[in-house]
Amino acid sequence: MRFKLLIAFVEDTKTDAVLDAARKAGATGATVINNARGEGLFQKKTFLGLGLDVQRDVILFVVEEHLARTILETIEEAGDFDTESGQGIAVQLDVEDAVGVAHQVRTLTKVVEEKL
């Protein structure tokens, strides 16, 4: 079984919505790294013209490759990434090797067989 690593950078207010949506789309778990800083195409400013640091969470998902694109699109919708600049971003990377996923393989084998 092959896996993809999905990395999502989301506004901290949308983390729970993204996690719930990803699980419904087939993600079997996630790791959340809190309090990352980030900005989009345009830096957000306060009413005094000072820079406003927007708190982000980084969410890591190791998902089965056949489910990866669906989960990625679901993350985008739940996080409203394409509604306006600076809402968030998600990427997927190939995972060459992984350990500690044996319990997921047993569960995912049934799910992937049904989808294929």
PDB file of N, CA and C in Angstrom:
ATOM      1  N   MET A   1       0.846  -1.176   0.000  1.00  0.00           N
ATOM      2  CA  MET A   1       0.000   0.000   0.000  1.00  0.00           C
ATOM      3  C   MET A   1       0.895   1.244   0.000  1.00  0.00           C
ATOM      4  N   ARG A   2       0.513   2.227  -0.800  1.00  0.00           N
ATOM      5  CA  ARG A   2       1.291   3.458  -0.918  1.00  0.00           C
ATOM      6  C   ARG A   2       0.543   4.609  -0.258  1.00  0.00           C
ATOM      7  N   PHE A   3       1.326   5.562   0.243  1.00  0.00           N
ATOM      8  CA  PHE A   3       0.742   6.678   0.980  1.00  0.00           C
ATOM      9  C   PHE A   3       1.188   8.019   0.413  1.00  0.00           C
ATOM     10  N   LYS A   4       0.401   9.031   0.718  1.00  0.00           N
ATOM     11  CA  LYS A   4       0.725  10.424   0.422  1.00  0.00           C
ATOM     12  C   LYS A   4       0.698  11.186   1.746  1.00  0.00           C
ATOM     13  N   LEU A   5       1.520  12.225   1.820  1.00  0.00           N
ATOM     14  CA  LEU A   5       1.506  13.124   2.964  1.00  0.00           C
ATOM     15  C   LEU A   5       0.788  14.389   2.526  1.00  0.00           C
ATOM     16  N   LEU A   6      -0.309  14.698   3.182  1.00  0.00           N
ATOM     17  CA  LEU A   6      -1.020  15.943   2.938  1.00  0.00           C
ATOM     18  C   LEU A   6      -0.635  16.912   4.046  1.00  0.00           C
ATOM     19  N   ILE A   7      -0.244  18.105   3.652  1.00  0.00           N
ATOM     20  CA  ILE A   7       0.112  19.145   4.613  1.00  0.00           C
ATOM     21  C   ILE A   7      -0.826  20.314   4.365  1.00  0.00           C
ATOM     22  N   ALA A   8      -1.576  20.684   5.379  1.00  0.00           N
ATOM     23  CA  ALA A   8      -2.520  21.795   5.258  1.00  0.00           C
ATOM     24  C   ALA A   8      -2.142  22.893   6.245  1.00  0.00           C
ATOM     25  N   PHE A   9      -2.085  24.109   5.744  1.00  0.00           N
ATOM     26  CA  PHE A   9      -1.846  25.292   6.569  1.00  0.00           C
ATOM     27  C   PHE A   9      -3.173  26.032   6.640  1.00  0.00           C
ATOM     28  N   VAL A  10      -3.807  26.037   7.793  1.00  0.00           N
ATOM     29  CA  VAL A  10      -5.156  26.592   7.914  1.00  0.00           C
ATOM     30  C   VAL A  10      -5.223  27.613   9.043  1.00  0.00           C
ATOM     31  N   GLU A  11      -6.172  28.529   8.920  1.00  0.00           N
ATOM     32  CA  GLU A  11      -6.420  29.453  10.023  1.00  0.00           C
ATOM     33  C   GLU A  11      -6.881  28.635  11.213  1.00  0.00           C
ATOM     34  N   ASP A  12      -6.417  29.012  12.384  1.00  0.00           N
ATOM     35  CA  ASP A  12      -6.709  28.194  13.563  1.00  0.00           C
ATOM     36  C   ASP A  12      -8.207  28.071  13.846  1.00  0.00           C
ATOM     37  N   THR A  13      -9.004  29.008  13.366  1.00  0.00           N
ATOM     38  CA  THR A  13     -10.453  28.926  13.586  1.00  0.00           C
ATOM     39  C   THR A  13     -11.108  27.855  12.710  1.00  0.00           C
ATOM     40  N   LYS A  14     -10.399  27.381  11.689  1.00  0.00           N
ATOM     41  CA  LYS A  14     -10.973  26.401  10.764  1.00  0.00           C
ATOM     42  C   LYS A  14     -10.387  25.003  10.925  1.00  0.00           C
ATOM     43  N   THR A  15      -9.496  24.831  11.876  1.00  0.00           N
ATOM     44  CA  THR A  15      -8.830  23.540  12.050  1.00  0.00           C
ATOM     45  C   THR A  15      -9.813  22.408  12.296  1.00  0.00           C
ATOM     46  N   ASP A  16     -10.749  22.589  13.209  1.00  0.00           N
ATOM     47  CA  ASP A  16     -11.694  21.517  13.528  1.00  0.00           C
ATOM     48  C   ASP A  16     -12.561  21.155  12.333  1.00  0.00           C
ATOM     49  N   ALA A  17     -12.990  22.150  11.564  1.00  0.00           N
ATOM     50  CA  ALA A  17     -13.806  21.885  10.376  1.00  0.00           C
ATOM     51  C   ALA A  17     -13.017  21.083   9.343  1.00  0.00           C
ATOM     52  N   VAL A  18     -11.745  21.426   9.168  1.00  0.00           N
ATOM     53  CA  VAL A  18     -10.894  20.713   8.214  1.00  0.00           C
ATOM     54  C   VAL A  18     -10.658  19.277   8.682  1.00  0.00           C
ATOM     55  N   LEU A  19     -10.387  19.095   9.961  1.00  0.00           N
ATOM     56  CA  LEU A  19     -10.176  17.740  10.494  1.00  0.00           C
ATOM     57  C   LEU A  19     -11.414  16.870  10.315  1.00  0.00           C
ATOM     58  N   ASP A  20     -12.588  17.413  10.644  1.00  0.00           N
ATOM     59  CA  ASP A  20     -13.829  16.649  10.508  1.00  0.00           C
ATOM     60  C   ASP A  20     -14.102  16.271   9.051  1.00  0.00           C
ATOM     61  N   ALA A  21     -13.912  17.233   8.154  1.00  0.00           N
ATOM     62  CA  ALA A  21     -14.153  16.977   6.732  1.00  0.00           C
ATOM     63  C   ALA A  21     -13.176  15.939   6.183  1.00  0.00           C
ATOM     64  N   ALA A  22     -11.917  16.023   6.571  1.00  0.00           N
ATOM     65  CA  ALA A  22     -10.920  15.069   6.095  1.00  0.00           C
ATOM     66  C   ALA A  22     -11.240  13.655   6.582  1.00  0.00           C
ATOM     67  N   ARG A  23     -11.673  13.535   7.819  1.00  0.00           N
ATOM     68  CA  ARG A  23     -12.022  12.208   8.346  1.00  0.00           C
ATOM     69  C   ARG A  23     -13.196  11.626   7.572  1.00  0.00           C
ATOM     70  N   LYS A  24     -14.206  12.455   7.282  1.00  0.00           N
ATOM     71  CA  LYS A  24     -15.361  11.974   6.510  1.00  0.00           C
ATOM     72  C   LYS A  24     -14.959  11.557   5.100  1.00  0.00           C
ATOM     73  N   ALA A  25     -13.905  12.169   4.558  1.00  0.00           N
ATOM     74  CA  ALA A  25     -13.436  11.855   3.208  1.00  0.00           C
ATOM     75  C   ALA A  25     -12.494  10.654   3.174  1.00  0.00           C
ATOM     76  N   GLY A  26     -12.120  10.118   4.352  1.00  0.00           N
ATOM     77  CA  GLY A  26     -11.302   8.913   4.367  1.00  0.00           C
ATOM     78  C   GLY A  26      -9.994   8.995   5.128  1.00  0.00           C
ATOM     79  N   ALA A  27      -9.633  10.159   5.661  1.00  0.00           N
ATOM     80  CA  ALA A  27      -8.410  10.265   6.456  1.00  0.00           C
ATOM     81  C   ALA A  27      -8.602   9.480   7.757  1.00  0.00           C
ATOM     82  N   THR A  28      -7.582   8.753   8.150  1.00  0.00           N
ATOM     83  CA  THR A  28      -7.687   7.920   9.349  1.00  0.00           C
ATOM     84  C   THR A  28      -7.047   8.557  10.575  1.00  0.00           C
ATOM     85  N   GLY A  29      -6.498   9.737  10.428  1.00  0.00           N
ATOM     86  CA  GLY A  29      -5.891  10.432  11.550  1.00  0.00           C
ATOM     87  C   GLY A  29      -5.129  11.649  11.070  1.00  0.00           C
ATOM     88  N   ALA A  30      -4.645  12.429  12.013  1.00  0.00           N
ATOM     89  CA  ALA A  30      -3.909  13.648  11.662  1.00  0.00           C
ATOM     90  C   ALA A  30      -3.056  14.081  12.838  1.00  0.00           C
ATOM     91  N   THR A  31      -2.058  14.886  12.535  1.00  0.00           N
ATOM     92  CA  THR A  31      -1.248  15.538  13.553  1.00  0.00           C
ATOM     93  C   THR A  31      -1.383  17.037  13.339  1.00  0.00           C
ATOM     94  N   VAL A  32      -1.696  17.762  14.419  1.00  0.00           N
ATOM     95  CA  VAL A  32      -1.880  19.209  14.334  1.00  0.00           C
ATOM     96  C   VAL A  32      -0.728  19.894  15.064  1.00  0.00           C
ATOM     97  N   ILE A  33      -0.091  20.805  14.368  1.00  0.00           N
ATOM     98  CA  ILE A  33       0.951  21.640  14.965  1.00  0.00           C
ATOM     99  C   ILE A  33       0.357  23.031  15.107  1.00  0.00           C
ATOM    100  N   ASN A  34       0.209  23.469  16.346  1.00  0.00           N
ATOM    101  CA  ASN A  34      -0.459  24.742  16.629  1.00  0.00           C
ATOM    102  C   ASN A  34       0.480  25.938  16.541  1.00  0.00           C
ATOM    103  N   ASN A  35      -0.132  27.083  16.341  1.00  0.00           N
ATOM    104  CA  ASN A  35       0.519  28.393  16.452  1.00  0.00           C
ATOM    105  C   ASN A  35       1.658  28.636  15.474  1.00  0.00           C
ATOM    106  N   ALA A  36       1.452  28.250  14.240  1.00  0.00           N
ATOM    107  CA  ALA A  36       2.387  28.645  13.189  1.00  0.00           C
ATOM    108  C   ALA A  36       1.980  30.040  12.727  1.00  0.00           C
ATOM    109  N   ARG A  37       2.904  30.783  12.167  1.00  0.00           N
ATOM    110  CA  ARG A  37       2.574  32.106  11.640  1.00  0.00           C
ATOM    111  C   ARG A  37       2.593  32.048  10.132  1.00  0.00           C
ATOM    112  N   GLY A  38       1.791  32.879   9.518  1.00  0.00           N
ATOM    113  CA  GLY A  38       1.800  32.889   8.069  1.00  0.00           C
ATOM    114  C   GLY A  38       1.038  34.068   7.523  1.00  0.00           C
ATOM    115  N   GLU A  39       1.256  34.302   6.254  1.00  0.00           N
ATOM    116  CA  GLU A  39       0.508  35.352   5.574  1.00  0.00           C
ATOM    117  C   GLU A  39       0.336  34.946   4.128  1.00  0.00           C
ATOM    118  N   GLY A  40      -0.672  35.505   3.500  1.00  0.00           N
ATOM    119  CA  GLY A  40      -0.958  35.198   2.108  1.00  0.00           C
ATOM    120  C   GLY A  40      -0.262  36.169   1.163  1.00  0.00           C
ATOM    121  N   LEU A  41      -0.878  36.355   0.033  1.00  0.00           N
ATOM    122  CA  LEU A  41      -0.342  37.227  -0.994  1.00  0.00           C
ATOM    123  C   LEU A  41      -0.182  38.657  -0.485  1.00  0.00           C
ATOM    124  N   PHE A  42      -1.143  39.077   0.329  1.00  0.00           N
ATOM    125  CA  PHE A  42      -1.104  40.419   0.899  1.00  0.00           C
ATOM    126  C   PHE A  42      -1.045  40.308   2.415  1.00  0.00           C
ATOM    127  N   GLN A  43      -0.166  41.084   3.036  1.00  0.00           N
ATOM    128  CA  GLN A  43      -0.047  41.063   4.491  1.00  0.00           C
ATOM    129  C   GLN A  43      -1.252  41.751   5.104  1.00  0.00           C
ATOM    130  N   LYS A  44      -1.858  41.106   6.108  1.00  0.00           N
ATOM    131  CA  LYS A  44      -3.008  41.700   6.785  1.00  0.00           C
ATOM    132  C   LYS A  44      -2.518  42.809   7.711  1.00  0.00           C
ATOM    133  N   LYS A  45      -3.278  43.884   7.748  1.00  0.00           N
ATOM    134  CA  LYS A  45      -2.919  45.053   8.557  1.00  0.00           C
ATOM    135  C   LYS A  45      -4.032  45.355   9.557  1.00  0.00           C
ATOM    136  N   THR A  46      -3.638  45.962  10.683  1.00  0.00           N
ATOM    137  CA  THR A  46      -4.619  46.458  11.650  1.00  0.00           C
ATOM    138  C   THR A  46      -5.084  47.828  11.187  1.00  0.00           C
ATOM    139  N   PHE A  47      -6.017  48.407  11.906  1.00  0.00           N
ATOM    140  CA  PHE A  47      -6.517  49.732  11.524  1.00  0.00           C
ATOM    141  C   PHE A  47      -5.448  50.811  11.711  1.00  0.00           C
ATOM    142  N   LEU A  48      -4.371  50.509  12.435  1.00  0.00           N
ATOM    143  CA  LEU A  48      -3.276  51.460  12.603  1.00  0.00           C
ATOM    144  C   LEU A  48      -2.180  51.258  11.550  1.00  0.00           C
ATOM    145  N   GLY A  49      -2.393  50.321  10.648  1.00  0.00           N
ATOM    146  CA  GLY A  49      -1.412  50.060   9.598  1.00  0.00           C
ATOM    147  C   GLY A  49      -0.297  49.115  10.008  1.00  0.00           C
ATOM    148  N   LEU A  50      -0.388  48.557  11.207  1.00  0.00           N
ATOM    149  CA  LEU A  50       0.616  47.599  11.677  1.00  0.00           C
ATOM    150  C   LEU A  50       0.331  46.220  11.084  1.00  0.00           C
ATOM    151  N   GLY A  51       1.384  45.439  10.948  1.00  0.00           N
ATOM    152  CA  GLY A  51       1.210  44.073  10.449  1.00  0.00           C
ATOM    153  C   GLY A  51       0.441  43.232  11.449  1.00  0.00           C
ATOM    154  N   LEU A  52      -0.442  42.388  10.949  1.00  0.00           N
ATOM    155  CA  LEU A  52      -1.247  41.520  11.800  1.00  0.00           C
ATOM    156  C   LEU A  52      -0.825  40.081  11.540  1.00  0.00           C
ATOM    157  N   ASP A  53      -0.242  39.420  12.534  1.00  0.00           N
ATOM    158  CA  ASP A  53       0.154  38.023  12.391  1.00  0.00           C
ATOM    159  C   ASP A  53      -1.073  37.143  12.590  1.00  0.00           C
ATOM    160  N   VAL A  54      -1.413  36.400  11.572  1.00  0.00           N
ATOM    161  CA  VAL A  54      -2.550  35.503  11.630  1.00  0.00           C
ATOM    162  C   VAL A  54      -2.055  34.140  12.099  1.00  0.00           C
ATOM    163  N   GLN A  55      -2.678  33.620  13.140  1.00  0.00           N
ATOM    164  CA  GLN A  55      -2.279  32.314  13.658  1.00  0.00           C
ATOM    165  C   GLN A  55      -2.797  31.210  12.745  1.00  0.00           C
ATOM    166  N   ARG A  56      -1.943  30.283  12.466  1.00  0.00           N
ATOM    167  CA  ARG A  56      -2.264  29.151  11.616  1.00  0.00           C
ATOM    168  C   ARG A  56      -1.960  27.860  12.379  1.00  0.00           C
ATOM    169  N   ASP A  57      -2.603  26.829  11.923  1.00  0.00           N
ATOM    170  CA  ASP A  57      -2.255  25.491  12.366  1.00  0.00           C
ATOM    171  C   ASP A  57      -1.743  24.733  11.146  1.00  0.00           C
ATOM    172  N   VAL A  58      -0.786  23.860  11.369  1.00  0.00           N
ATOM    173  CA  VAL A  58      -0.286  22.983  10.322  1.00  0.00           C
ATOM    174  C   VAL A  58      -0.837  21.588  10.634  1.00  0.00           C
ATOM    175  N   ILE A  59      -1.552  21.023   9.665  1.00  0.00           N
ATOM    176  CA  ILE A  59      -2.154  19.703   9.864  1.00  0.00           C
ATOM    177  C   ILE A  59      -1.481  18.728   8.911  1.00  0.00           C
ATOM    178  N   LEU A  60      -0.997  17.625   9.454  1.00  0.00           N
ATOM    179  CA  LEU A  60      -0.325  16.590   8.671  1.00  0.00           C
ATOM    180  C   LEU A  60      -1.218  15.349   8.614  1.00  0.00           C
ATOM    181  N   PHE A  61      -1.447  14.857   7.406  1.00  0.00           N
ATOM    182  CA  PHE A  61      -2.230  13.642   7.194  1.00  0.00           C
ATOM    183  C   PHE A  61      -1.383  12.664   6.393  1.00  0.00           C
ATOM    184  N   VAL A  62      -1.288  11.425   6.832  1.00  0.00           N
ATOM    185  CA  VAL A  62      -0.711  10.357   6.015  1.00  0.00           C
ATOM    186  C   VAL A  62      -1.909   9.541   5.541  1.00  0.00           C
ATOM    187  N   VAL A  63      -2.146   9.573   4.214  1.00  0.00           N
ATOM    188  CA  VAL A  63      -3.353   8.957   3.665  1.00  0.00           C
ATOM    189  C   VAL A  63      -2.993   8.001   2.530  1.00  0.00           C
ATOM    190  N   GLU A  64      -3.874   7.073   2.269  1.00  0.00           N
ATOM    191  CA  GLU A  64      -3.683   6.121   1.180  1.00  0.00           C
ATOM    192  C   GLU A  64      -3.762   6.883  -0.144  1.00  0.00           C
ATOM    193  N   GLU A  65      -2.896   6.548  -1.097  1.00  0.00           N
ATOM    194  CA  GLU A  65      -2.753   7.345  -2.315  1.00  0.00           C
ATOM    195  C   GLU A  65      -4.030   7.456  -3.138  1.00  0.00           C
ATOM    196  N   HIS A  66      -4.883   6.425  -3.150  1.00  0.00           N
ATOM    197  CA  HIS A  66      -6.112   6.489  -3.937  1.00  0.00           C
ATOM    198  C   HIS A  66      -7.144   7.437  -3.320  1.00  0.00           C
ATOM    199  N   LEU A  67      -7.003   7.726  -2.043  1.00  0.00           N
ATOM    200  CA  LEU A  67      -7.930   8.630  -1.357  1.00  0.00           C
ATOM    201  C   LEU A  67      -7.395  10.058  -1.279  1.00  0.00           C
ATOM    202  N   ALA A  68      -6.124  10.241  -1.610  1.00  0.00           N
ATOM    203  CA  ALA A  68      -5.443  11.516  -1.355  1.00  0.00           C
ATOM    204  C   ALA A  68      -6.090  12.699  -2.059  1.00  0.00           C
ATOM    205  N   ARG A  69      -6.401  12.581  -3.334  1.00  0.00           N
ATOM    206  CA  ARG A  69      -6.950  13.721  -4.082  1.00  0.00           C
ATOM    207  C   ARG A  69      -8.326  14.128  -3.548  1.00  0.00           C
ATOM    208  N   THR A  70      -9.150  13.152  -3.234  1.00  0.00           N
ATOM    209  CA  THR A  70     -10.469  13.448  -2.675  1.00  0.00           C
ATOM    210  C   THR A  70     -10.339  14.170  -1.336  1.00  0.00           C
ATOM    211  N   ILE A  71      -9.438  13.690  -0.494  1.00  0.00           N
ATOM    212  CA  ILE A  71      -9.233  14.320   0.810  1.00  0.00           C
ATOM    213  C   ILE A  71      -8.677  15.728   0.628  1.00  0.00           C
ATOM    214  N   LEU A  72      -7.743  15.904  -0.292  1.00  0.00           N
ATOM    215  CA  LEU A  72      -7.163  17.227  -0.557  1.00  0.00           C
ATOM    216  C   LEU A  72      -8.247  18.220  -0.993  1.00  0.00           C
ATOM    217  N   GLU A  73      -9.120  17.807  -1.895  1.00  0.00           N
ATOM    218  CA  GLU A  73     -10.196  18.681  -2.346  1.00  0.00           C
ATOM    219  C   GLU A  73     -11.180  18.986  -1.223  1.00  0.00           C
ATOM    220  N   THR A  74     -11.423  18.007  -0.374  1.00  0.00           N
ATOM    221  CA  THR A  74     -12.322  18.209   0.765  1.00  0.00           C
ATOM    222  C   THR A  74     -11.731  19.214   1.753  1.00  0.00           C
ATOM    223  N   ILE A  75     -10.423  19.119   1.988  1.00  0.00           N
ATOM    224  CA  ILE A  75      -9.734  20.067   2.865  1.00  0.00           C
ATOM    225  C   ILE A  75      -9.869  21.490   2.316  1.00  0.00           C
ATOM    226  N   GLU A  76      -9.692  21.631   1.013  1.00  0.00           N
ATOM    227  CA  GLU A  76      -9.803  22.955   0.375  1.00  0.00           C
ATOM    228  C   GLU A  76     -11.189  23.540   0.581  1.00  0.00           C
ATOM    229  N   GLU A  77     -12.213  22.728   0.404  1.00  0.00           N
ATOM    230  CA  GLU A  77     -13.581  23.212   0.577  1.00  0.00           C
ATOM    231  C   GLU A  77     -13.869  23.575   2.025  1.00  0.00           C
ATOM    232  N   ALA A  78     -13.467  22.728   2.961  1.00  0.00           N
ATOM    233  CA  ALA A  78     -13.737  22.981   4.378  1.00  0.00           C
ATOM    234  C   ALA A  78     -12.989  24.202   4.895  1.00  0.00           C
ATOM    235  N   GLY A  79     -11.792  24.443   4.363  1.00  0.00           N
ATOM    236  CA  GLY A  79     -10.995  25.581   4.799  1.00  0.00           C
ATOM    237  C   GLY A  79     -11.243  26.855   4.017  1.00  0.00           C
ATOM    238  N   ASP A  80     -12.104  26.785   2.996  1.00  0.00           N
ATOM    239  CA  ASP A  80     -12.401  27.957   2.146  1.00  0.00           C
ATOM    240  C   ASP A  80     -11.136  28.556   1.550  1.00  0.00           C
ATOM    241  N   PHE A  81     -10.213  27.721   1.115  1.00  0.00           N
ATOM    242  CA  PHE A  81      -8.912  28.191   0.639  1.00  0.00           C
ATOM    243  C   PHE A  81      -9.011  29.070  -0.603  1.00  0.00           C
ATOM    244  N   ASP A  82      -9.952  28.775  -1.477  1.00  0.00           N
ATOM    245  CA  ASP A  82     -10.031  29.529  -2.729  1.00  0.00           C
ATOM    246  C   ASP A  82     -11.041  30.672  -2.697  1.00  0.00           C
ATOM    247  N   THR A  83     -11.598  30.988  -1.537  1.00  0.00           N
ATOM    248  CA  THR A  83     -12.567  32.081  -1.466  1.00  0.00           C
ATOM    249  C   THR A  83     -11.887  33.439  -1.524  1.00  0.00           C
ATOM    250  N   GLU A  84     -10.723  33.560  -0.895  1.00  0.00           N
ATOM    251  CA  GLU A  84      -9.941  34.792  -0.951  1.00  0.00           C
ATOM    252  C   GLU A  84      -8.505  34.493  -0.543  1.00  0.00           C
ATOM    253  N   SER A  85      -7.622  35.417  -0.835  1.00  0.00           N
ATOM    254  CA  SER A  85      -6.203  35.230  -0.544  1.00  0.00           C
ATOM    255  C   SER A  85      -5.959  35.093   0.958  1.00  0.00           C
ATOM    256  N   GLY A  86      -5.024  34.217   1.317  1.00  0.00           N
ATOM    257  CA  GLY A  86      -4.596  34.084   2.702  1.00  0.00           C
ATOM    258  C   GLY A  86      -5.429  33.164   3.564  1.00  0.00           C
ATOM    259  N   GLN A  87      -6.366  32.422   2.978  1.00  0.00           N
ATOM    260  CA  GLN A  87      -7.220  31.541   3.770  1.00  0.00           C
ATOM    261  C   GLN A  87      -6.529  30.241   4.153  1.00  0.00           C
ATOM    262  N   GLY A  88      -5.602  29.784   3.344  1.00  0.00           N
ATOM    263  CA  GLY A  88      -4.902  28.542   3.643  1.00  0.00           C
ATOM    264  C   GLY A  88      -4.419  27.891   2.378  1.00  0.00           C
ATOM    265  N   ILE A  89      -3.656  26.833   2.561  1.00  0.00           N
ATOM    266  CA  ILE A  89      -3.101  26.088   1.432  1.00  0.00           C
ATOM    267  C   ILE A  89      -2.897  24.642   1.885  1.00  0.00           C
ATOM    268  N   ALA A  90      -3.006  23.741   0.935  1.00  0.00           N
ATOM    269  CA  ALA A  90      -2.741  22.331   1.224  1.00  0.00           C
ATOM    270  C   ALA A  90      -1.957  21.749   0.056  1.00  0.00           C
ATOM    271  N   VAL A  91      -1.018  20.871   0.368  1.00  0.00           N
ATOM    272  CA  VAL A  91      -0.199  20.219  -0.652  1.00  0.00           C
ATOM    273  C   VAL A  91      -0.127  18.728  -0.349  1.00  0.00           C
ATOM    274  N   GLN A  92       0.220  17.964  -1.370  1.00  0.00           N
ATOM    275  CA  GLN A  92       0.445  16.541  -1.148  1.00  0.00           C
ATOM    276  C   GLN A  92       1.820  16.152  -1.663  1.00  0.00           C
ATOM    277  N   LEU A  93       2.462  15.259  -0.930  1.00  0.00           N
ATOM    278  CA  LEU A  93       3.793  14.774  -1.268  1.00  0.00           C
ATOM    279  C   LEU A  93       3.779  13.246  -1.228  1.00  0.00           C
ATOM    280  N   ASP A  94       4.589  12.633  -2.070  1.00  0.00           N
ATOM    281  CA  ASP A  94       4.728  11.177  -2.034  1.00  0.00           C
ATOM    282  C   ASP A  94       5.465  10.766  -0.760  1.00  0.00           C
ATOM    283  N   VAL A  95       5.033   9.680  -0.180  1.00  0.00           N
ATOM    284  CA  VAL A  95       5.718   9.098   0.976  1.00  0.00           C
ATOM    285  C   VAL A  95       6.484   7.888   0.476  1.00  0.00           C
ATOM    286  N   GLU A  96       7.789   7.933   0.613  1.00  0.00           N
ATOM    287  CA  GLU A  96       8.605   6.825   0.132  1.00  0.00           C
ATOM    288  C   GLU A  96       8.455   5.597   1.008  1.00  0.00           C
ATOM    289  N   ASP A  97       8.396   5.810   2.313  1.00  0.00           N
ATOM    290  CA  ASP A  97       8.295   4.697   3.241  1.00  0.00           C
ATOM    291  C   ASP A  97       7.658   5.201   4.523  1.00  0.00           C
ATOM    292  N   ALA A  98       6.988   4.326   5.242  1.00  0.00           N
ATOM    293  CA  ALA A  98       6.354   4.713   6.505  1.00  0.00           C
ATOM    294  C   ALA A  98       6.310   3.510   7.440  1.00  0.00           C
ATOM    295  N   VAL A  99       6.455   3.763   8.713  1.00  0.00           N
ATOM    296  CA  VAL A  99       6.293   2.734   9.734  1.00  0.00           C
ATOM    297  C   VAL A  99       5.229   3.213  10.712  1.00  0.00           C
ATOM    298  N   GLY A 100       4.661   2.296  11.432  1.00  0.00           N
ATOM    299  CA  GLY A 100       3.629   2.659  12.398  1.00  0.00           C
ATOM    300  C   GLY A 100       2.249   2.786  11.777  1.00  0.00           C
ATOM    301  N   VAL A 101       2.088   2.270  10.563  1.00  0.00           N
ATOM    302  CA  VAL A 101       0.802   2.398   9.880  1.00  0.00           C
ATOM    303  C   VAL A 101       0.130   1.040   9.621  1.00  0.00           C
ATOM    304  N   ALA A 102       0.629   0.004  10.241  1.00  0.00           N
ATOM    305  CA  ALA A 102       0.091  -1.338  10.006  1.00  0.00           C
ATOM    306  C   ALA A 102      -1.393  -1.418  10.349  1.00  0.00           C
ATOM    307  N   HIS A 103      -1.798  -0.780  11.422  1.00  0.00           N
ATOM    308  CA  HIS A 103      -3.210  -0.804  11.806  1.00  0.00           C
ATOM    309  C   HIS A 103      -4.072  -0.062  10.779  1.00  0.00           C
ATOM    310  N   GLN A 104      -3.532   0.964  10.150  1.00  0.00           N
ATOM    311  CA  GLN A 104      -4.269   1.694   9.119  1.00  0.00           C
ATOM    312  C   GLN A 104      -4.385   0.860   7.845  1.00  0.00           C
ATOM    313  N   VAL A 105      -3.342   0.103   7.522  1.00  0.00           N
ATOM    314  CA  VAL A 105      -3.349  -0.706   6.306  1.00  0.00           C
ATOM    315  C   VAL A 105      -4.504  -1.698   6.340  1.00  0.00           C
ATOM    316  N   ARG A 106      -4.719  -2.345   7.477  1.00  0.00           N
ATOM    317  CA  ARG A 106      -5.808  -3.313   7.593  1.00  0.00           C
ATOM    318  C   ARG A 106      -7.160  -2.641   7.337  1.00  0.00           C
ATOM    319  N   THR A 107      -7.366  -1.485   7.915  1.00  0.00           N
ATOM    320  CA  THR A 107      -8.627  -0.766   7.736  1.00  0.00           C
ATOM    321  C   THR A 107      -8.762  -0.220   6.326  1.00  0.00           C
ATOM    322  N   LEU A 108      -7.702   0.390   5.820  1.00  0.00           N
ATOM    323  CA  LEU A 108      -7.755   1.024   4.507  1.00  0.00           C
ATOM    324  C   LEU A 108      -7.879   0.037   3.351  1.00  0.00           C
ATOM    325  N   THR A 109      -7.382  -1.176   3.522  1.00  0.00           N
ATOM    326  CA  THR A 109      -7.473  -2.173   2.457  1.00  0.00           C
ATOM    327  C   THR A 109      -8.927  -2.393   2.068  1.00  0.00           C
ATOM    328  N   LYS A 110      -9.796  -2.517   3.049  1.00  0.00           N
ATOM    329  CA  LYS A 110     -11.225  -2.716   2.772  1.00  0.00           C
ATOM    330  C   LYS A 110     -11.825  -1.484   2.102  1.00  0.00           C
ATOM    331  N   VAL A 111     -11.476  -0.317   2.585  1.00  0.00           N
ATOM    332  CA  VAL A 111     -12.044   0.926   2.045  1.00  0.00           C
ATOM    333  C   VAL A 111     -11.622   1.123   0.592  1.00  0.00           C
ATOM    334  N   VAL A 112     -10.329   0.932   0.305  1.00  0.00           N
ATOM    335  CA  VAL A 112      -9.821   1.146  -1.052  1.00  0.00           C
ATOM    336  C   VAL A 112     -10.395   0.108  -2.019  1.00  0.00           C
ATOM    337  N   GLU A 113     -10.513  -1.141  -1.579  1.00  0.00           N
ATOM    338  CA  GLU A 113     -11.079  -2.175  -2.445  1.00  0.00           C
ATOM    339  C   GLU A 113     -12.514  -1.823  -2.841  1.00  0.00           C
ATOM    340  N   GLU A 114     -13.273  -1.265  -1.930  1.00  0.00           N
ATOM    341  CA  GLU A 114     -14.656  -0.869  -2.220  1.00  0.00           C
ATOM    342  C   GLU A 114     -14.694   0.275  -3.227  1.00  0.00           C
ATOM    343  N   LYS A 115     -13.760   1.207  -3.117  1.00  0.00           N
ATOM    344  CA  LYS A 115     -13.744   2.373  -4.016  1.00  0.00           C
ATOM    345  C   LYS A 115     -13.251   2.025  -5.410  1.00  0.00           C
ATOM    346  N   LEU A 116     -12.365   1.015  -5.498  1.00  0.00           N
ATOM    347  CA  LEU A 116     -11.846   0.622  -6.807  1.00  0.00           C
ATOM    348  C   LEU A 116     -12.791  -0.346  -7.425  1.00  0.00           C
TER     349      LEU A 116
END
